[in-house]
Protein backbone atom coordinates (compact mmCIF):
# COMPACT_ATOMS: atom_id res chain seq x y z
CA MET A 1 -10.27 10.43 -12.92
CA ASP A 2 -8.78 10.34 -16.42
CA MET A 3 -8.87 6.64 -17.22
CA ASN A 4 -6.91 7.14 -20.44
CA ALA A 5 -3.94 8.06 -18.23
CA VAL A 6 -4.60 5.12 -15.90
CA VAL A 7 -5.18 2.23 -18.29
CA GLY A 8 -1.82 0.74 -19.22
CA THR A 9 0.07 2.35 -16.35
CA HIS A 10 -1.86 1.00 -13.33
CA ASP A 11 -3.12 -2.33 -12.12
CA LEU A 12 -6.92 -2.25 -11.91
CA LEU A 13 -8.91 -3.63 -8.97
CA PHE A 14 -12.69 -3.91 -9.10
CA ILE A 15 -14.41 -5.20 -5.95
CA THR A 16 -18.16 -5.68 -5.72
CA LEU A 17 -19.37 -6.01 -2.14
CA ASP A 18 -22.34 -8.10 -3.12
CA THR A 19 -25.68 -6.95 -1.68
CA LEU A 20 -24.19 -4.18 0.51
CA ARG A 21 -26.70 -1.46 1.38
CA TYR A 22 -25.62 2.17 1.22
CA ASP A 23 -27.22 3.12 4.53
CA VAL A 24 -25.43 0.32 6.38
CA ALA A 25 -22.08 1.08 4.75
CA GLU A 26 -22.33 4.79 5.53
CA ALA A 27 -23.49 4.24 9.14
CA LEU A 28 -20.63 1.84 9.93
CA CYS A 29 -18.12 4.18 8.34
CA ALA A 30 -19.37 7.09 10.48
CA GLN A 31 -19.24 4.91 13.60
CA GLY A 32 -15.63 3.90 12.97
CA ARG A 33 -16.54 0.24 12.51
CA THR A 34 -14.89 -0.12 9.08
CA PRO A 35 -11.55 1.64 9.60
CA ASN A 36 -9.66 -0.06 6.79
CA LEU A 37 -12.11 0.97 4.11
CA ALA A 38 -12.61 4.42 5.64
CA ALA A 39 -8.86 5.08 5.38
CA LEU A 40 -9.08 4.62 1.60
CA LEU A 41 -12.40 6.29 0.80
CA PRO A 42 -12.07 9.81 -0.65
CA GLY A 43 -12.95 12.15 2.21
CA GLY A 44 -13.42 9.10 4.42
CA ARG A 45 -16.98 8.51 3.16
CA TRP A 46 -18.82 6.43 0.62
CA GLU A 47 -20.35 8.10 -2.39
CA LYS A 48 -24.09 7.56 -2.79
CA ARG A 49 -24.94 6.06 -6.17
CA HIS A 50 -27.68 4.19 -8.04
CA SER A 51 -27.10 0.69 -9.36
CA PRO A 52 -28.01 -0.07 -12.98
CA ALA A 53 -29.80 -3.24 -11.84
CA SER A 54 -31.42 -4.85 -8.82
CA PHE A 55 -29.63 -8.21 -8.67
CA THR A 56 -26.16 -9.62 -9.21
CA TYR A 57 -26.33 -11.08 -12.70
CA ALA A 58 -27.90 -8.05 -14.36
CA ALA A 59 -25.78 -5.53 -12.44
CA HIS A 60 -22.50 -7.18 -13.41
CA HIS A 61 -23.44 -7.36 -17.07
CA ALA A 62 -24.00 -3.61 -16.91
CA PHE A 63 -20.74 -3.04 -15.02
CA PHE A 64 -18.75 -5.04 -17.55
CA ALA A 65 -20.34 -2.98 -20.32
CA GLY A 66 -18.99 0.18 -18.67
CA PHE A 67 -22.12 1.19 -16.78
CA LEU A 68 -20.92 1.45 -13.18
CA PRO A 69 -23.27 2.79 -10.47
CA THR A 70 -24.43 6.31 -11.37
CA PRO A 71 -24.06 9.28 -8.98
CA ALA A 72 -27.35 9.82 -7.17
CA THR A 73 -27.79 13.37 -8.46
CA PRO A 74 -29.56 14.64 -11.60
CA GLY A 75 -27.67 15.15 -14.83
CA LEU A 76 -25.44 13.30 -17.26
CA HIS A 77 -22.47 11.74 -15.48
CA PRO A 78 -19.32 10.84 -17.49
CA ARG A 79 -18.27 7.22 -17.20
CA LEU A 80 -14.83 5.80 -16.46
CA PHE A 81 -15.15 3.13 -19.16
CA ALA A 82 -17.28 2.75 -22.24
CA MET A 83 -17.56 0.22 -25.02
CA ARG A 84 -17.58 2.05 -28.34
CA PHE A 85 -21.10 2.54 -29.68
CA GLU A 86 -22.93 5.34 -31.42
CA GLY A 87 -25.02 7.79 -29.46
CA SER A 88 -23.34 7.54 -26.04
CA GLU A 89 -24.11 10.68 -24.02
CA THR A 90 -21.87 9.84 -21.08
CA THR A 91 -18.56 9.37 -22.88
CA ALA A 92 -16.16 12.20 -22.00
CA PRO A 93 -12.49 13.01 -22.68
CA GLY A 94 -11.47 11.09 -19.54
CA THR A 95 -13.48 8.00 -20.49
CA CYS A 96 -11.47 5.00 -21.62
CA VAL A 97 -13.33 3.87 -24.74
CA LEU A 98 -12.70 0.26 -25.71
CA ASP A 99 -13.43 -1.40 -29.03
CA ALA A 100 -14.75 -4.54 -27.39
CA PRO A 101 -18.03 -6.13 -26.32
CA ASP A 102 -17.15 -5.87 -22.63
CA LEU A 103 -14.67 -4.33 -20.22
CA VAL A 104 -12.75 -7.55 -19.53
CA THR A 105 -12.15 -8.28 -23.21
CA GLY A 106 -11.25 -4.65 -23.86
CA LEU A 107 -8.67 -4.53 -21.07
CA SER A 108 -7.22 -7.83 -22.23
CA GLY A 109 -6.73 -6.18 -25.61
CA ARG A 110 -4.83 -3.39 -23.86
CA GLY A 111 -2.38 -5.90 -22.42
CA TYR A 112 -4.00 -6.70 -19.06
CA HIS A 113 -4.02 -10.15 -17.49
CA THR A 114 -7.60 -10.57 -16.29
CA VAL A 115 -8.44 -12.47 -13.08
CA CYS A 116 -11.86 -13.21 -11.58
CA ILE A 117 -12.30 -14.39 -7.99
CA GLY A 118 -15.93 -15.35 -7.64
CA GLY A 119 -18.24 -15.29 -4.67
CA VAL A 120 -22.01 -15.67 -5.05
CA GLY A 121 -23.69 -18.31 -7.19
CA PHE A 122 -23.49 -16.46 -10.50
CA PHE A 123 -19.71 -16.96 -10.33
CA ASN A 124 -19.60 -20.54 -9.08
CA LYS A 125 -18.76 -22.20 -12.45
CA ARG A 126 -20.93 -25.20 -11.52
CA ASN A 127 -23.31 -24.84 -14.46
CA PRO A 128 -23.56 -22.93 -17.77
CA LEU A 129 -25.13 -19.87 -16.10
CA GLY A 130 -22.43 -19.80 -13.42
CA ASN A 131 -19.77 -19.74 -16.14
CA VAL A 132 -21.03 -16.75 -18.13
CA LEU A 133 -19.41 -13.96 -16.10
CA PRO A 134 -16.24 -15.86 -15.07
CA GLY A 135 -15.87 -16.95 -18.69
CA LEU A 136 -14.95 -13.39 -19.69
CA PHE A 137 -11.64 -13.63 -17.81
CA ALA A 138 -8.32 -15.21 -18.74
CA GLU A 139 -8.40 -16.98 -15.39
CA SER A 140 -11.25 -17.43 -12.95
CA HIS A 141 -11.54 -19.04 -9.55
CA TRP A 142 -14.33 -20.27 -7.30
CA SER A 143 -14.72 -22.84 -4.55
CA PRO A 144 -17.30 -23.43 -1.81
CA GLU A 145 -14.85 -21.79 0.63
CA MET A 146 -15.41 -18.50 -1.24
CA GLY A 147 -19.19 -18.82 -1.37
CA VAL A 148 -22.01 -17.42 0.71
CA ARG A 149 -22.14 -20.26 3.24
CA ASP A 150 -18.52 -20.17 4.40
CA ALA A 151 -18.07 -17.80 7.34
CA ARG A 152 -14.44 -17.20 6.31
CA SER A 153 -15.15 -16.59 2.63
CA THR A 154 -13.49 -13.17 2.39
CA GLU A 155 -10.31 -14.45 4.02
CA HIS A 156 -10.13 -17.20 1.40
CA GLN A 157 -10.82 -14.77 -1.44
CA VAL A 158 -8.19 -12.29 -0.29
CA ALA A 159 -5.57 -15.00 0.23
CA LEU A 160 -6.12 -16.25 -3.30
CA ALA A 161 -6.06 -12.71 -4.72
CA VAL A 162 -2.73 -11.98 -3.02
CA SER A 163 -1.30 -15.24 -4.32
CA ARG A 164 -2.36 -14.48 -7.89
CA LEU A 165 -1.02 -10.91 -7.74
CA GLU A 166 2.33 -12.18 -6.50
CA ALA A 167 2.48 -14.77 -9.30
CA VAL A 168 2.22 -12.19 -12.08
CA PRO A 169 5.39 -10.21 -12.97
CA ARG A 170 5.23 -6.53 -12.06
CA SER A 171 5.83 -5.66 -15.69
CA GLN A 172 2.46 -7.26 -16.53
CA ARG A 173 -0.58 -5.13 -15.71
CA VAL A 174 -3.44 -6.96 -13.97
CA PHE A 175 -7.20 -6.43 -13.93
CA LEU A 176 -8.37 -8.16 -10.75
CA PHE A 177 -12.09 -8.55 -10.10
CA ILE A 178 -13.43 -9.88 -6.78
CA ASN A 179 -17.07 -10.52 -5.97
CA VAL A 180 -17.22 -10.52 -2.15
CA SER A 181 -19.94 -12.91 -1.01
CA ALA A 182 -19.98 -12.46 2.78
CA LEU A 183 -22.65 -9.75 2.89
CA HIS A 184 -25.15 -11.79 0.91
CA GLN A 185 -27.71 -13.89 2.71
CA PRO A 186 -27.16 -15.96 4.78
CA ASN A 187 -25.08 -13.58 6.91
CA ARG A 188 -26.36 -14.45 10.40
CA GLN A 189 -23.13 -16.35 11.07
CA TYR A 190 -21.32 -13.04 11.61
CA LEU A 191 -23.37 -12.18 14.70
CA PRO A 192 -23.20 -14.99 17.27
CA GLY A 193 -26.62 -16.11 18.43
CA ALA A 194 -28.55 -14.33 15.66
CA PRO A 195 -31.56 -16.47 14.72
CA GLU A 196 -32.00 -14.92 11.26
CA ASP A 197 -30.53 -12.44 8.83
CA SER A 198 -31.13 -8.78 9.64
CA LEU A 199 -29.64 -5.33 9.27
CA ASP A 200 -27.48 -6.10 12.30
CA THR A 201 -26.05 -9.29 10.78
CA HIS A 202 -25.56 -7.45 7.47
CA ALA A 203 -23.55 -4.84 9.37
CA ALA A 204 -21.54 -7.48 11.21
CA ALA A 205 -20.67 -9.08 7.87
CA LEU A 206 -19.33 -5.75 6.62
CA GLU A 207 -17.15 -5.43 9.72
CA TYR A 208 -15.77 -8.89 8.99
CA VAL A 209 -15.03 -7.98 5.36
CA ASP A 210 -13.30 -4.76 6.39
CA GLY A 211 -10.95 -6.68 8.65
CA CYS A 212 -9.95 -9.03 5.83
CA LEU A 213 -8.99 -6.49 3.16
CA PRO A 214 -5.62 -5.01 4.30
CA PRO A 215 -3.45 -7.83 2.84
CA LEU A 216 -5.05 -7.25 -0.55
CA PHE A 217 -4.30 -3.54 -0.59
CA ALA A 218 -0.77 -4.20 0.67
CA ALA A 219 -0.20 -6.61 -2.23
CA LEU A 220 -1.44 -4.01 -4.69
CA ARG A 221 0.91 -1.41 -3.23
CA ARG A 222 3.83 -3.80 -3.60
CA ARG A 223 3.06 -4.02 -7.32
CA GLY A 224 1.66 -0.48 -7.70
CA PRO A 225 0.42 1.83 -8.78
CA ALA A 226 -3.18 0.62 -8.76
CA CYS A 227 -6.56 2.14 -9.50
CA CYS A 228 -9.35 0.70 -7.34
CA ILE A 229 -13.13 0.70 -7.69
CA VAL A 230 -15.09 -0.63 -4.71
CA CYS A 231 -18.88 -0.66 -4.74
CA SER A 232 -22.00 -2.69 -4.19
CA ASP A 233 -23.94 -4.21 -7.05
CA HIS A 234 -27.29 -3.70 -5.28
CA GLY A 235 -28.72 -3.54 -1.79
CA THR A 236 -31.22 -5.83 -0.15
CA ALA A 237 -34.36 -5.39 1.95
CA TYR A 238 -34.87 -6.70 5.46
CA GLY A 239 -38.56 -6.05 5.85
CA ASP A 240 -38.37 -2.44 4.58
CA ASP A 241 -41.97 -1.44 3.73
CA GLY A 242 -42.79 -5.15 3.78
CA TYR A 243 -40.11 -6.13 1.23
CA THR A 244 -37.48 -8.80 1.73
CA GLY A 245 -34.51 -9.54 -0.53
CA HIS A 246 -33.64 -7.90 -3.84
CA ARG A 247 -34.53 -8.08 -7.57
CA LEU A 248 -37.17 -5.51 -6.73
CA GLY A 249 -37.54 -1.73 -7.09
CA HIS A 250 -37.16 -0.46 -3.52
CA PRO A 251 -34.73 2.43 -2.79
CA VAL A 252 -32.66 0.28 -0.40
CA VAL A 253 -31.98 -2.03 -3.35
CA TRP A 254 -31.15 0.63 -5.95
CA THR A 255 -29.03 2.83 -3.67
CA VAL A 256 -25.46 1.59 -3.29
CA PRO A 257 -22.10 2.74 -1.85
CA TYR A 258 -19.30 3.52 -4.30
CA ALA A 259 -15.66 4.61 -4.13
CA GLU A 260 -12.76 5.01 -6.55
CA PHE A 261 -9.18 5.73 -5.49
CA THR A 262 -5.57 5.05 -6.42
CA LEU A 263 -2.79 3.33 -4.50
CA ASP A 264 0.82 4.30 -5.04
CA ARG A 265 3.55 1.73 -5.24
CA ASP A 266 5.46 1.17 -2.04
CA PRO A 267 9.09 2.26 -2.31
CA ALA A 268 11.39 -0.63 -3.07
CA PRO A 269 13.14 -1.97 0.05
């Protein structure tokens, strides 16, 4: 994708499905359990990639510096975005190079209105640490209803995203970032009767998220065109080889699902 042809002409959507494992995402896609996402994924499948970090805070700093998850194959892989610095080996003709310290600031300099809809604790704005990432954006939002403990968090996030998209004139390009919290522990609430978090509850959370996303993509099409990046920031372990959680170097943590695609604008009624 030539981002130099996209930036300035398209809205930009960046969704991180926090903590989503690649193996779970791919299995549910193959089983037809995430039809809304599958309809948008190139070829109907997730791309297998490696995250630049093993937990949310570090991964998002890398993302906002232009280092999105890297294709899980050997070689140098050109990046969609880069902040200008000497010696970059992954900047290519299609890379949008920004003279800025981070992606959000750089896109703001290109005329984008930047919006953050937070999810997990690093976006909760309740303390100095929870303000670092949201503080990059022109506007940022978080409430307990969008956090990890609300079983309807994605519905609340999507409703707010749609509202904010509709409030911005179509002539104004938008960079919308959403950190989806539902997949993060605790996720047992998405599988009735589950006594603890597990791969099954993680999968059930992804099914829930998939069912919530159509209004968001419809709102983007109404404004259109839009370029979308949807990925995980890292995976998490549920007893794999004795490991639990993330911020550790297990393959289920480093290996993440990734997709990029465009949405055309719906014809005017």
